[in-house]
Amino acid sequence: MATDENMNKLQRKRSTLRSRVTRLTGQLNNVDGIDKAFDVELLEETLKDLKLMNEAIHDLLNDEIYERDTVDCEEYFDTAKLAIFNIKRKMEYAVETDLNLLKKVTLPRLELLAALMRTRLLKYFCEEVDIQPSAATLWTDSKITLSWIRTDPNKWKTFVCNRTTEILQYTSPAQWRHCPGTQNPADHLSRGILPSKLSNLKIWWYGPDWLTREPSLWPTEDLSYYEQLKTDKEARKPLTQSLYVETTNPVIDITHYSSYTKLLRVTAWILRFLQNCRNEQHFLFELTAEELQKAKDYWILNVQQ
């Protein structure tokens, strides 16, 4: 039998244990949404350790002392378990809602991601069985995705550009064909179907009837106006560059002079006037041959511009 002093220590230890469980429960209940830093398995392990500690203390306490506080202590553990259960449910809900809710990925982009996964699967399969990917035909029920794949990737924004580039590294645009949504076997699973019905669904096992015909008889696709608008939303905006061209008109109106010699002399006098305005030394004598040549050069440059 433990001494009274040891009993008191055990009771204090249990009180501390109860406080730890209470704090843990409070932290769990304050989790709003899904925090990636929260490790549910670690929380469950912590709670398990605390419960083992509680049971060890129980074994050391006599029945009379244990009965006084066992009920409320067990309730604390039950509350903590319930809090962990709620967090796990939140995490399961986040998985069910998928990335399109968390990252707001548009439906056409999700269809493009599906095409990318199809390409990677084809690459892996061909490497394993040692066949060429060019022998395959790939299908999508998204005309928008098909349009992106059949166009130069550099035309599209970064998201579409990067993924179409990877798709075209392993496949060619000619390998991609359109399958109408009503004849797409995969749609039956995404819409929900019982296994008993799926086992007898011919299109699931063999694909659409037209697959057994010549490729020339396979469905063709035409992008509707609405689909074209949705495709264009991913187009890069053209880079525009402003070009400012400054044009200067001659100070002298050449149409006012019928004599070439007179035009040169008037031009030479104006050039001298400008030179006199810039310099302290002014030239007042008759025009020189050099000044007339400068006037001639001025008009030659003006015509060349």
C-alpha atoms as a PDB file:
ATOM      1  CA  MET A   1       0.000   0.000   0.000  1.00  0.00           C
ATOM      2  CA  ALA A   2       1.404   3.357  -0.922  1.00  0.00           C
ATOM      3  CA  THR A   3       1.949   5.933   1.799  1.00  0.00           C
ATOM      4  CA  ASP A   4      -0.311   8.988   2.149  1.00  0.00           C
ATOM      5  CA  GLU A   5       2.461  11.146   0.726  1.00  0.00           C
ATOM      6  CA  ASN A   6       2.742   8.967  -2.354  1.00  0.00           C
ATOM      7  CA  MET A   7      -1.039   9.001  -2.728  1.00  0.00           C
ATOM      8  CA  ASN A   8      -1.020  12.782  -2.704  1.00  0.00           C
ATOM      9  CA  LYS A   9       1.699  12.808  -5.375  1.00  0.00           C
ATOM     10  CA  LEU A  10      -0.314  10.446  -7.541  1.00  0.00           C
ATOM     11  CA  GLN A  11      -3.425  12.575  -7.155  1.00  0.00           C
ATOM     12  CA  ARG A  12      -1.465  15.697  -8.090  1.00  0.00           C
ATOM     13  CA  LYS A  13      -0.015  13.823 -11.050  1.00  0.00           C
ATOM     14  CA  ARG A  14      -3.493  12.853 -12.139  1.00  0.00           C
ATOM     15  CA  SER A  15      -4.684  16.423 -11.766  1.00  0.00           C
ATOM     16  CA  THR A  16      -1.822  17.537 -14.018  1.00  0.00           C
ATOM     17  CA  LEU A  17      -2.727  14.795 -16.471  1.00  0.00           C
ATOM     18  CA  ARG A  18      -6.334  15.957 -16.528  1.00  0.00           C
ATOM     19  CA  SER A  19      -5.168  19.518 -17.231  1.00  0.00           C
ATOM     20  CA  ARG A  20      -3.058  18.330 -20.172  1.00  0.00           C
ATOM     21  CA  VAL A  21      -6.014  16.479 -21.657  1.00  0.00           C
ATOM     22  CA  THR A  22      -8.187  19.569 -21.171  1.00  0.00           C
ATOM     23  CA  ARG A  23      -5.635  21.801 -22.948  1.00  0.00           C
ATOM     24  CA  LEU A  24      -5.290  19.290 -25.772  1.00  0.00           C
ATOM     25  CA  THR A  25      -9.066  19.169 -26.194  1.00  0.00           C
ATOM     26  CA  GLY A  26      -9.241  22.963 -26.256  1.00  0.00           C
ATOM     27  CA  GLN A  27      -6.587  23.133 -28.985  1.00  0.00           C
ATOM     28  CA  LEU A  28      -8.418  20.552 -31.051  1.00  0.00           C
ATOM     29  CA  ASN A  29     -11.752  22.350 -30.762  1.00  0.00           C
ATOM     30  CA  ASN A  30     -10.137  25.605 -31.902  1.00  0.00           C
ATOM     31  CA  VAL A  31      -8.986  24.127 -35.203  1.00  0.00           C
ATOM     32  CA  ASP A  32     -10.951  25.980 -37.881  1.00  0.00           C
ATOM     33  CA  GLY A  33     -10.607  24.261 -41.234  1.00  0.00           C
ATOM     34  CA  ILE A  34      -7.679  22.090 -42.171  1.00  0.00           C
ATOM     35  CA  ASP A  35      -4.220  23.053 -41.030  1.00  0.00           C
ATOM     36  CA  LYS A  36      -1.458  21.057 -42.728  1.00  0.00           C
ATOM     37  CA  ALA A  37       0.701  21.502 -39.618  1.00  0.00           C
ATOM     38  CA  PHE A  38      -1.776  19.361 -37.666  1.00  0.00           C
ATOM     39  CA  ASP A  39      -0.689  15.713 -37.526  1.00  0.00           C
ATOM     40  CA  VAL A  40      -3.765  13.716 -36.533  1.00  0.00           C
ATOM     41  CA  GLU A  41      -1.787  10.525 -35.972  1.00  0.00           C
ATOM     42  CA  LEU A  42       0.534  12.374 -33.593  1.00  0.00           C
ATOM     43  CA  LEU A  43      -2.469  13.741 -31.689  1.00  0.00           C
ATOM     44  CA  GLU A  44      -3.979  10.283 -31.377  1.00  0.00           C
ATOM     45  CA  GLU A  45      -0.640   8.917 -30.150  1.00  0.00           C
ATOM     46  CA  THR A  46      -0.379  11.694 -27.551  1.00  0.00           C
ATOM     47  CA  LEU A  47      -3.882  10.979 -26.294  1.00  0.00           C
ATOM     48  CA  LYS A  48      -3.067   7.268 -26.132  1.00  0.00           C
ATOM     49  CA  ASP A  49       0.051   7.954 -24.023  1.00  0.00           C
ATOM     50  CA  LEU A  50      -1.929  10.155 -21.655  1.00  0.00           C
ATOM     51  CA  LYS A  51      -4.557   7.467 -21.258  1.00  0.00           C
ATOM     52  CA  LEU A  52      -1.902   4.818 -20.487  1.00  0.00           C
ATOM     53  CA  MET A  53      -0.460   7.143 -17.877  1.00  0.00           C
ATOM     54  CA  ASN A  54      -3.929   7.547 -16.373  1.00  0.00           C
ATOM     55  CA  GLU A  55      -4.383   3.779 -16.210  1.00  0.00           C
ATOM     56  CA  ALA A  56      -0.992   3.385 -14.536  1.00  0.00           C
ATOM     57  CA  ILE A  57      -1.997   5.910 -11.874  1.00  0.00           C
ATOM     58  CA  HIS A  58      -5.294   4.077 -11.467  1.00  0.00           C
ATOM     59  CA  ASP A  59      -3.453   0.860 -10.671  1.00  0.00           C
ATOM     60  CA  LEU A  60      -1.549   2.597  -7.864  1.00  0.00           C
ATOM     61  CA  LEU A  61      -4.526   4.404  -6.301  1.00  0.00           C
ATOM     62  CA  ASN A  62      -6.926   2.572  -4.024  1.00  0.00           C
ATOM     63  CA  ASP A  63     -10.521   2.142  -5.178  1.00  0.00           C
ATOM     64  CA  GLU A  64     -11.968   4.774  -2.825  1.00  0.00           C
ATOM     65  CA  ILE A  65      -9.686   7.567  -4.059  1.00  0.00           C
ATOM     66  CA  TYR A  66      -9.997   6.484  -7.693  1.00  0.00           C
ATOM     67  CA  GLU A  67     -13.798   6.450  -7.665  1.00  0.00           C
ATOM     68  CA  ARG A  68     -13.902  10.101  -6.549  1.00  0.00           C
ATOM     69  CA  ASP A  69     -12.449  11.445  -9.794  1.00  0.00           C
ATOM     70  CA  THR A  70     -12.552   8.634 -12.352  1.00  0.00           C
ATOM     71  CA  VAL A  71     -15.845   9.704 -13.976  1.00  0.00           C
ATOM     72  CA  ASP A  72     -14.865  13.245 -14.901  1.00  0.00           C
ATOM     73  CA  CYS A  73     -11.373  12.126 -16.010  1.00  0.00           C
ATOM     74  CA  GLU A  74     -12.827   9.586 -18.443  1.00  0.00           C
ATOM     75  CA  GLU A  75     -15.125  12.291 -19.774  1.00  0.00           C
ATOM     76  CA  TYR A  76     -12.073  14.409 -20.602  1.00  0.00           C
ATOM     77  CA  PHE A  77     -10.611  11.580 -22.678  1.00  0.00           C
ATOM     78  CA  ASP A  78     -13.930  11.037 -24.465  1.00  0.00           C
ATOM     79  CA  THR A  79     -14.126  14.754 -25.293  1.00  0.00           C
ATOM     80  CA  ALA A  80     -10.577  14.711 -26.689  1.00  0.00           C
ATOM     81  CA  LYS A  81     -11.401  11.673 -28.837  1.00  0.00           C
ATOM     82  CA  LEU A  82     -14.481  13.424 -30.179  1.00  0.00           C
ATOM     83  CA  ALA A  83     -12.398  16.498 -31.084  1.00  0.00           C
ATOM     84  CA  ILE A  84      -9.914  14.341 -33.024  1.00  0.00           C
ATOM     85  CA  PHE A  85     -12.806  12.613 -34.783  1.00  0.00           C
ATOM     86  CA  ASN A  86     -14.188  16.005 -35.878  1.00  0.00           C
ATOM     87  CA  ILE A  87     -10.812  17.022 -37.324  1.00  0.00           C
ATOM     88  CA  LYS A  88     -10.584  13.764 -39.269  1.00  0.00           C
ATOM     89  CA  ARG A  89     -14.040  14.379 -40.692  1.00  0.00           C
ATOM     90  CA  LYS A  90     -12.986  17.856 -41.807  1.00  0.00           C
ATOM     91  CA  MET A  91      -9.961  16.385 -43.558  1.00  0.00           C
ATOM     92  CA  GLU A  92     -12.084  13.743 -45.283  1.00  0.00           C
ATOM     93  CA  TYR A  93     -14.472  16.451 -46.457  1.00  0.00           C
ATOM     94  CA  ALA A  94     -11.558  18.454 -47.878  1.00  0.00           C
ATOM     95  CA  VAL A  95     -10.450  15.425 -49.882  1.00  0.00           C
ATOM     96  CA  GLU A  96     -13.977  14.829 -51.175  1.00  0.00           C
ATOM     97  CA  THR A  97     -14.379  18.422 -52.343  1.00  0.00           C
ATOM     98  CA  ASP A  98     -11.228  18.004 -54.482  1.00  0.00           C
ATOM     99  CA  LEU A  99      -8.771  20.603 -55.733  1.00  0.00           C
ATOM    100  CA  ASN A 100     -11.285  22.483 -57.851  1.00  0.00           C
ATOM    101  CA  LEU A 101     -12.799  23.978 -54.676  1.00  0.00           C
ATOM    102  CA  LEU A 102      -9.513  24.639 -52.878  1.00  0.00           C
ATOM    103  CA  LYS A 103      -7.711  26.166 -55.855  1.00  0.00           C
ATOM    104  CA  LYS A 104     -10.755  27.126 -57.920  1.00  0.00           C
ATOM    105  CA  VAL A 105      -9.526  25.270 -61.010  1.00  0.00           C
ATOM    106  CA  THR A 106     -11.925  25.743 -63.921  1.00  0.00           C
ATOM    107  CA  LEU A 107     -13.585  22.748 -65.568  1.00  0.00           C
ATOM    108  CA  PRO A 108     -11.654  23.137 -68.872  1.00  0.00           C
ATOM    109  CA  ARG A 109      -8.384  23.150 -66.904  1.00  0.00           C
ATOM    110  CA  LEU A 110      -9.446  20.005 -65.036  1.00  0.00           C
ATOM    111  CA  GLU A 111     -10.147  18.362 -68.389  1.00  0.00           C
ATOM    112  CA  LEU A 112      -6.656  19.380 -69.522  1.00  0.00           C
ATOM    113  CA  LEU A 113      -5.161  17.846 -66.369  1.00  0.00           C
ATOM    114  CA  ALA A 114      -7.015  14.617 -67.177  1.00  0.00           C
ATOM    115  CA  ALA A 115      -5.465  14.653 -70.657  1.00  0.00           C
ATOM    116  CA  LEU A 116      -2.027  15.177 -69.101  1.00  0.00           C
ATOM    117  CA  MET A 117      -2.550  12.211 -66.761  1.00  0.00           C
ATOM    118  CA  ARG A 118      -3.589  10.149 -69.788  1.00  0.00           C
ATOM    119  CA  THR A 119      -0.356  11.126 -71.541  1.00  0.00           C
ATOM    120  CA  ARG A 120       1.799  10.187 -68.541  1.00  0.00           C
ATOM    121  CA  LEU A 121      -0.014   6.864 -68.223  1.00  0.00           C
ATOM    122  CA  LEU A 122       0.589   6.158 -71.916  1.00  0.00           C
ATOM    123  CA  LYS A 123       4.289   7.005 -71.527  1.00  0.00           C
ATOM    124  CA  TYR A 124       4.637   4.663 -68.551  1.00  0.00           C
ATOM    125  CA  PHE A 125       2.734   1.864 -70.293  1.00  0.00           C
ATOM    126  CA  CYS A 126       4.771   2.136 -73.505  1.00  0.00           C
ATOM    127  CA  GLU A 127       8.038   2.054 -71.558  1.00  0.00           C
ATOM    128  CA  GLU A 128       6.941  -1.090 -69.717  1.00  0.00           C
ATOM    129  CA  VAL A 129       5.784  -3.045 -72.779  1.00  0.00           C
ATOM    130  CA  ASP A 130       8.377  -1.510 -75.128  1.00  0.00           C
ATOM    131  CA  ILE A 131       6.105  -0.065 -77.814  1.00  0.00           C
ATOM    132  CA  GLN A 132       6.029   3.349 -79.473  1.00  0.00           C
ATOM    133  CA  PRO A 133       3.522   5.943 -78.136  1.00  0.00           C
ATOM    134  CA  SER A 134       2.837   7.034 -81.724  1.00  0.00           C
ATOM    135  CA  ALA A 135       0.802   3.843 -82.231  1.00  0.00           C
ATOM    136  CA  ALA A 136      -1.843   5.007 -79.738  1.00  0.00           C
ATOM    137  CA  THR A 137      -4.961   7.112 -80.184  1.00  0.00           C
ATOM    138  CA  LEU A 138      -5.976   9.254 -77.224  1.00  0.00           C
ATOM    139  CA  TRP A 139      -9.517  10.451 -76.548  1.00  0.00           C
ATOM    140  CA  THR A 140     -11.052  13.366 -74.705  1.00  0.00           C
ATOM    141  CA  ASP A 141     -14.649  14.534 -74.488  1.00  0.00           C
ATOM    142  CA  SER A 142     -13.516  18.161 -74.102  1.00  0.00           C
ATOM    143  CA  LYS A 143     -13.361  20.091 -77.362  1.00  0.00           C
ATOM    144  CA  ILE A 144     -11.614  22.931 -75.544  1.00  0.00           C
ATOM    145  CA  THR A 145      -8.798  20.627 -74.416  1.00  0.00           C
ATOM    146  CA  LEU A 146      -8.534  19.301 -77.953  1.00  0.00           C
ATOM    147  CA  SER A 147      -8.231  22.846 -79.306  1.00  0.00           C
ATOM    148  CA  TRP A 148      -5.468  23.677 -76.807  1.00  0.00           C
ATOM    149  CA  ILE A 149      -3.497  20.556 -77.756  1.00  0.00           C
ATOM    150  CA  ARG A 150      -3.808  21.258 -81.481  1.00  0.00           C
ATOM    151  CA  THR A 151      -2.516  24.825 -81.160  1.00  0.00           C
ATOM    152  CA  ASP A 152       0.973  26.179 -80.515  1.00  0.00           C
ATOM    153  CA  PRO A 153       1.414  26.053 -76.696  1.00  0.00           C
ATOM    154  CA  ASN A 154       3.071  29.484 -76.670  1.00  0.00           C
ATOM    155  CA  LYS A 155      -0.268  31.005 -77.588  1.00  0.00           C
ATOM    156  CA  TRP A 156      -1.748  30.096 -74.186  1.00  0.00           C
ATOM    157  CA  LYS A 157      -1.252  31.371 -70.661  1.00  0.00           C
ATOM    158  CA  THR A 158       1.286  29.693 -68.361  1.00  0.00           C
ATOM    159  CA  PHE A 159      -0.996  26.994 -66.893  1.00  0.00           C
ATOM    160  CA  VAL A 160      -2.246  25.720 -70.247  1.00  0.00           C
ATOM    161  CA  CYS A 161       1.102  26.333 -71.988  1.00  0.00           C
ATOM    162  CA  ASN A 162       3.114  24.189 -69.552  1.00  0.00           C
ATOM    163  CA  ARG A 163       0.698  21.270 -69.652  1.00  0.00           C
ATOM    164  CA  THR A 164       0.120  21.228 -73.398  1.00  0.00           C
ATOM    165  CA  THR A 165       3.902  21.396 -73.865  1.00  0.00           C
ATOM    166  CA  GLU A 166       4.339  18.246 -71.773  1.00  0.00           C
ATOM    167  CA  ILE A 167       1.494  16.514 -73.614  1.00  0.00           C
ATOM    168  CA  LEU A 168       3.103  17.300 -76.973  1.00  0.00           C
ATOM    169  CA  GLN A 169       6.483  15.982 -75.818  1.00  0.00           C
ATOM    170  CA  TYR A 170       5.126  12.425 -75.892  1.00  0.00           C
ATOM    171  CA  THR A 171       2.184  12.647 -78.291  1.00  0.00           C
ATOM    172  CA  SER A 172       1.303  14.470 -81.484  1.00  0.00           C
ATOM    173  CA  PRO A 173      -1.870  16.531 -82.038  1.00  0.00           C
ATOM    174  CA  ALA A 174      -2.985  14.021 -84.691  1.00  0.00           C
ATOM    175  CA  GLN A 175      -3.174  11.283 -82.033  1.00  0.00           C
ATOM    176  CA  TRP A 176      -5.865  13.139 -80.098  1.00  0.00           C
ATOM    177  CA  ARG A 177      -9.512  12.626 -81.040  1.00  0.00           C
ATOM    178  CA  HIS A 178     -12.840  13.784 -79.655  1.00  0.00           C
ATOM    179  CA  CYS A 179     -15.277  11.384 -78.000  1.00  0.00           C
ATOM    180  CA  PRO A 180     -18.813  12.762 -77.469  1.00  0.00           C
ATOM    181  CA  GLY A 181     -19.680  12.995 -73.781  1.00  0.00           C
ATOM    182  CA  THR A 182     -22.755  10.802 -74.217  1.00  0.00           C
ATOM    183  CA  GLN A 183     -20.533   8.004 -75.560  1.00  0.00           C
ATOM    184  CA  ASN A 184     -17.681   8.336 -73.078  1.00  0.00           C
ATOM    185  CA  PRO A 185     -17.453   5.126 -70.961  1.00  0.00           C
ATOM    186  CA  ALA A 186     -15.653   6.936 -68.119  1.00  0.00           C
ATOM    187  CA  ASP A 187     -18.628   9.246 -67.560  1.00  0.00           C
ATOM    188  CA  HIS A 188     -20.672   6.386 -66.138  1.00  0.00           C
ATOM    189  CA  LEU A 189     -18.318   6.121 -63.169  1.00  0.00           C
ATOM    190  CA  SER A 190     -18.104   9.871 -62.549  1.00  0.00           C
ATOM    191  CA  ARG A 191     -21.907  10.133 -62.522  1.00  0.00           C
ATOM    192  CA  GLY A 192     -22.305   7.112 -60.256  1.00  0.00           C
ATOM    193  CA  ILE A 193     -23.320   3.577 -61.195  1.00  0.00           C
ATOM    194  CA  LEU A 194     -23.924   0.377 -59.241  1.00  0.00           C
ATOM    195  CA  PRO A 195     -21.329  -2.404 -59.691  1.00  0.00           C
ATOM    196  CA  SER A 196     -24.102  -4.791 -60.731  1.00  0.00           C
ATOM    197  CA  LYS A 197     -25.013  -2.502 -63.644  1.00  0.00           C
ATOM    198  CA  LEU A 198     -21.388  -1.742 -64.512  1.00  0.00           C
ATOM    199  CA  SER A 199     -20.568  -5.446 -64.910  1.00  0.00           C
ATOM    200  CA  ASN A 200     -23.201  -5.717 -67.652  1.00  0.00           C
ATOM    201  CA  LEU A 201     -22.457  -2.369 -69.321  1.00  0.00           C
ATOM    202  CA  LYS A 202     -21.192  -3.118 -72.821  1.00  0.00           C
ATOM    203  CA  ILE A 203     -19.752   0.342 -73.468  1.00  0.00           C
ATOM    204  CA  TRP A 204     -17.609   0.025 -70.331  1.00  0.00           C
ATOM    205  CA  TRP A 205     -15.983  -3.203 -71.504  1.00  0.00           C
ATOM    206  CA  TYR A 206     -15.765  -2.613 -75.258  1.00  0.00           C
ATOM    207  CA  GLY A 207     -16.110   1.141 -75.756  1.00  0.00           C
ATOM    208  CA  PRO A 208     -18.436   2.866 -78.262  1.00  0.00           C
ATOM    209  CA  ASP A 209     -19.594   0.856 -81.286  1.00  0.00           C
ATOM    210  CA  TRP A 210     -17.841   3.160 -83.768  1.00  0.00           C
ATOM    211  CA  LEU A 211     -14.411   2.126 -82.396  1.00  0.00           C
ATOM    212  CA  THR A 212     -14.647  -1.073 -84.475  1.00  0.00           C
ATOM    213  CA  ARG A 213     -15.126   0.941 -87.685  1.00  0.00           C
ATOM    214  CA  GLU A 214     -12.611   2.698 -89.901  1.00  0.00           C
ATOM    215  CA  PRO A 215     -11.048   5.864 -88.387  1.00  0.00           C
ATOM    216  CA  SER A 216     -12.653   7.886 -91.179  1.00  0.00           C
ATOM    217  CA  LEU A 217     -16.046   6.977 -89.658  1.00  0.00           C
ATOM    218  CA  TRP A 218     -15.123   8.106 -86.141  1.00  0.00           C
ATOM    219  CA  PRO A 219     -16.847  11.216 -84.724  1.00  0.00           C
ATOM    220  CA  THR A 220     -15.584  14.596 -85.871  1.00  0.00           C
ATOM    221  CA  GLU A 221     -15.567  17.746 -83.814  1.00  0.00           C
ATOM    222  CA  ASP A 222     -16.371  21.382 -84.504  1.00  0.00           C
ATOM    223  CA  LEU A 223     -15.770  24.049 -81.886  1.00  0.00           C
ATOM    224  CA  SER A 224     -18.967  25.966 -81.161  1.00  0.00           C
ATOM    225  CA  TYR A 225     -18.965  29.738 -80.694  1.00  0.00           C
ATOM    226  CA  TYR A 226     -19.370  29.329 -76.922  1.00  0.00           C
ATOM    227  CA  GLU A 227     -16.498  26.838 -76.709  1.00  0.00           C
ATOM    228  CA  GLN A 228     -14.312  29.138 -78.821  1.00  0.00           C
ATOM    229  CA  LEU A 229     -14.904  31.951 -76.332  1.00  0.00           C
ATOM    230  CA  LYS A 230     -13.860  29.697 -73.429  1.00  0.00           C
ATOM    231  CA  THR A 231     -10.756  28.641 -75.348  1.00  0.00           C
ATOM    232  CA  ASP A 232      -9.770  32.244 -76.002  1.00  0.00           C
ATOM    233  CA  LYS A 233      -9.886  33.017 -72.267  1.00  0.00           C
ATOM    234  CA  GLU A 234      -6.578  31.153 -71.920  1.00  0.00           C
ATOM    235  CA  ALA A 235      -4.912  33.009 -74.806  1.00  0.00           C
ATOM    236  CA  ARG A 236      -1.954  35.217 -73.963  1.00  0.00           C
ATOM    237  CA  LYS A 237      -2.520  38.916 -74.417  1.00  0.00           C
ATOM    238  CA  PRO A 238      -0.413  40.187 -77.326  1.00  0.00           C
ATOM    239  CA  LEU A 239       2.532  42.324 -76.304  1.00  0.00           C
ATOM    240  CA  THR A 240       2.128  45.854 -77.592  1.00  0.00           C
ATOM    241  CA  GLN A 241       4.913  48.395 -77.836  1.00  0.00           C
ATOM    242  CA  SER A 242       4.269  52.056 -78.345  1.00  0.00           C
ATOM    243  CA  LEU A 243       6.456  53.654 -80.995  1.00  0.00           C
ATOM    244  CA  TYR A 244       6.644  57.418 -81.005  1.00  0.00           C
ATOM    245  CA  VAL A 245       7.967  58.935 -84.198  1.00  0.00           C
ATOM    246  CA  GLU A 246       8.725  62.598 -84.141  1.00  0.00           C
ATOM    247  CA  THR A 247       8.715  64.327 -87.496  1.00  0.00           C
ATOM    248  CA  THR A 248      10.103  67.787 -87.987  1.00  0.00           C
ATOM    249  CA  ASN A 249       9.076  70.065 -90.795  1.00  0.00           C
ATOM    250  CA  PRO A 250      11.664  72.320 -92.416  1.00  0.00           C
ATOM    251  CA  VAL A 251      11.722  75.872 -91.130  1.00  0.00           C
ATOM    252  CA  ILE A 252      11.797  77.086 -94.737  1.00  0.00           C
ATOM    253  CA  ASP A 253       8.896  76.275 -97.024  1.00  0.00           C
ATOM    254  CA  ILE A 254      10.633  75.096-100.186  1.00  0.00           C
ATOM    255  CA  THR A 255       7.549  75.760-102.312  1.00  0.00           C
ATOM    256  CA  HIS A 256       8.060  79.493-101.888  1.00  0.00           C
ATOM    257  CA  TYR A 257      11.266  79.457-103.942  1.00  0.00           C
ATOM    258  CA  SER A 258      11.492  78.839-107.655  1.00  0.00           C
ATOM    259  CA  SER A 259      15.291  79.332-107.733  1.00  0.00           C
ATOM    260  CA  TYR A 260      17.590  76.673-106.278  1.00  0.00           C
ATOM    261  CA  THR A 261      20.392  79.217-105.778  1.00  0.00           C
ATOM    262  CA  LYS A 262      18.119  81.586-103.891  1.00  0.00           C
ATOM    263  CA  LEU A 263      16.907  78.716-101.672  1.00  0.00           C
ATOM    264  CA  LEU A 264      20.504  77.821-100.762  1.00  0.00           C
ATOM    265  CA  ARG A 265      21.414  81.440 -99.969  1.00  0.00           C
ATOM    266  CA  VAL A 266      18.336  81.965 -97.754  1.00  0.00           C
ATOM    267  CA  THR A 267      19.117  78.696 -95.961  1.00  0.00           C
ATOM    268  CA  ALA A 268      22.758  79.715 -95.491  1.00  0.00           C
ATOM    269  CA  TRP A 269      21.727  83.086 -93.990  1.00  0.00           C
ATOM    270  CA  ILE A 270      19.388  81.354 -91.530  1.00  0.00           C
ATOM    271  CA  LEU A 271      22.117  78.887 -90.503  1.00  0.00           C
ATOM    272  CA  ARG A 272      24.508  81.807 -89.947  1.00  0.00           C
ATOM    273  CA  PHE A 273      21.886  83.573 -87.817  1.00  0.00           C
ATOM    274  CA  LEU A 274      21.583  80.491 -85.615  1.00  0.00           C
ATOM    275  CA  GLN A 275      25.356  80.284 -85.307  1.00  0.00           C
ATOM    276  CA  ASN A 276      25.594  83.966 -84.342  1.00  0.00           C
ATOM    277  CA  CYS A 277      22.951  83.385 -81.625  1.00  0.00           C
ATOM    278  CA  ARG A 278      25.109  80.651 -80.080  1.00  0.00           C
ATOM    279  CA  ASN A 279      28.463  82.448 -80.255  1.00  0.00           C
ATOM    280  CA  GLU A 280      29.717  85.772 -78.953  1.00  0.00           C
ATOM    281  CA  GLN A 281      31.614  86.392 -82.196  1.00  0.00           C
ATOM    282  CA  HIS A 282      29.204  87.387 -84.956  1.00  0.00           C
ATOM    283  CA  PHE A 283      29.880  86.988 -88.683  1.00  0.00           C
ATOM    284  CA  LEU A 284      28.521  89.883 -90.758  1.00  0.00           C
ATOM    285  CA  PHE A 285      30.412  89.493 -94.060  1.00  0.00           C
ATOM    286  CA  GLU A 286      29.143  87.869 -97.259  1.00  0.00           C
ATOM    287  CA  LEU A 287      28.316  84.154 -97.356  1.00  0.00           C
ATOM    288  CA  THR A 288      31.242  81.820 -97.844  1.00  0.00           C
ATOM    289  CA  ALA A 289      31.428  78.716-100.051  1.00  0.00           C
ATOM    290  CA  GLU A 290      31.549  76.594 -96.893  1.00  0.00           C
ATOM    291  CA  GLU A 291      28.259  78.064 -95.625  1.00  0.00           C
ATOM    292  CA  LEU A 292      26.579  77.461 -98.982  1.00  0.00           C
ATOM    293  CA  GLN A 293      27.784  73.830 -98.859  1.00  0.00           C
ATOM    294  CA  LYS A 294      26.290  73.423 -95.362  1.00  0.00           C
ATOM    295  CA  ALA A 295      22.980  74.760 -96.694  1.00  0.00           C
ATOM    296  CA  LYS A 296      23.122  72.236 -99.531  1.00  0.00           C
ATOM    297  CA  ASP A 297      23.896  69.394 -97.074  1.00  0.00           C
ATOM    298  CA  TYR A 298      20.937  70.469 -94.934  1.00  0.00           C
ATOM    299  CA  TRP A 299      18.482  70.012 -97.801  1.00  0.00           C
ATOM    300  CA  ILE A 300      20.032  66.712 -98.883  1.00  0.00           C
ATOM    301  CA  LEU A 301      19.587  65.310 -95.352  1.00  0.00           C
ATOM    302  CA  ASN A 302      16.052  66.693 -95.217  1.00  0.00           C
ATOM    303  CA  VAL A 303      15.081  64.924 -98.442  1.00  0.00           C
ATOM    304  CA  GLN A 304      16.634  61.634 -97.267  1.00  0.00           C
ATOM    305  CA  GLN A 305      14.561  61.676 -94.074  1.00  0.00           C
END
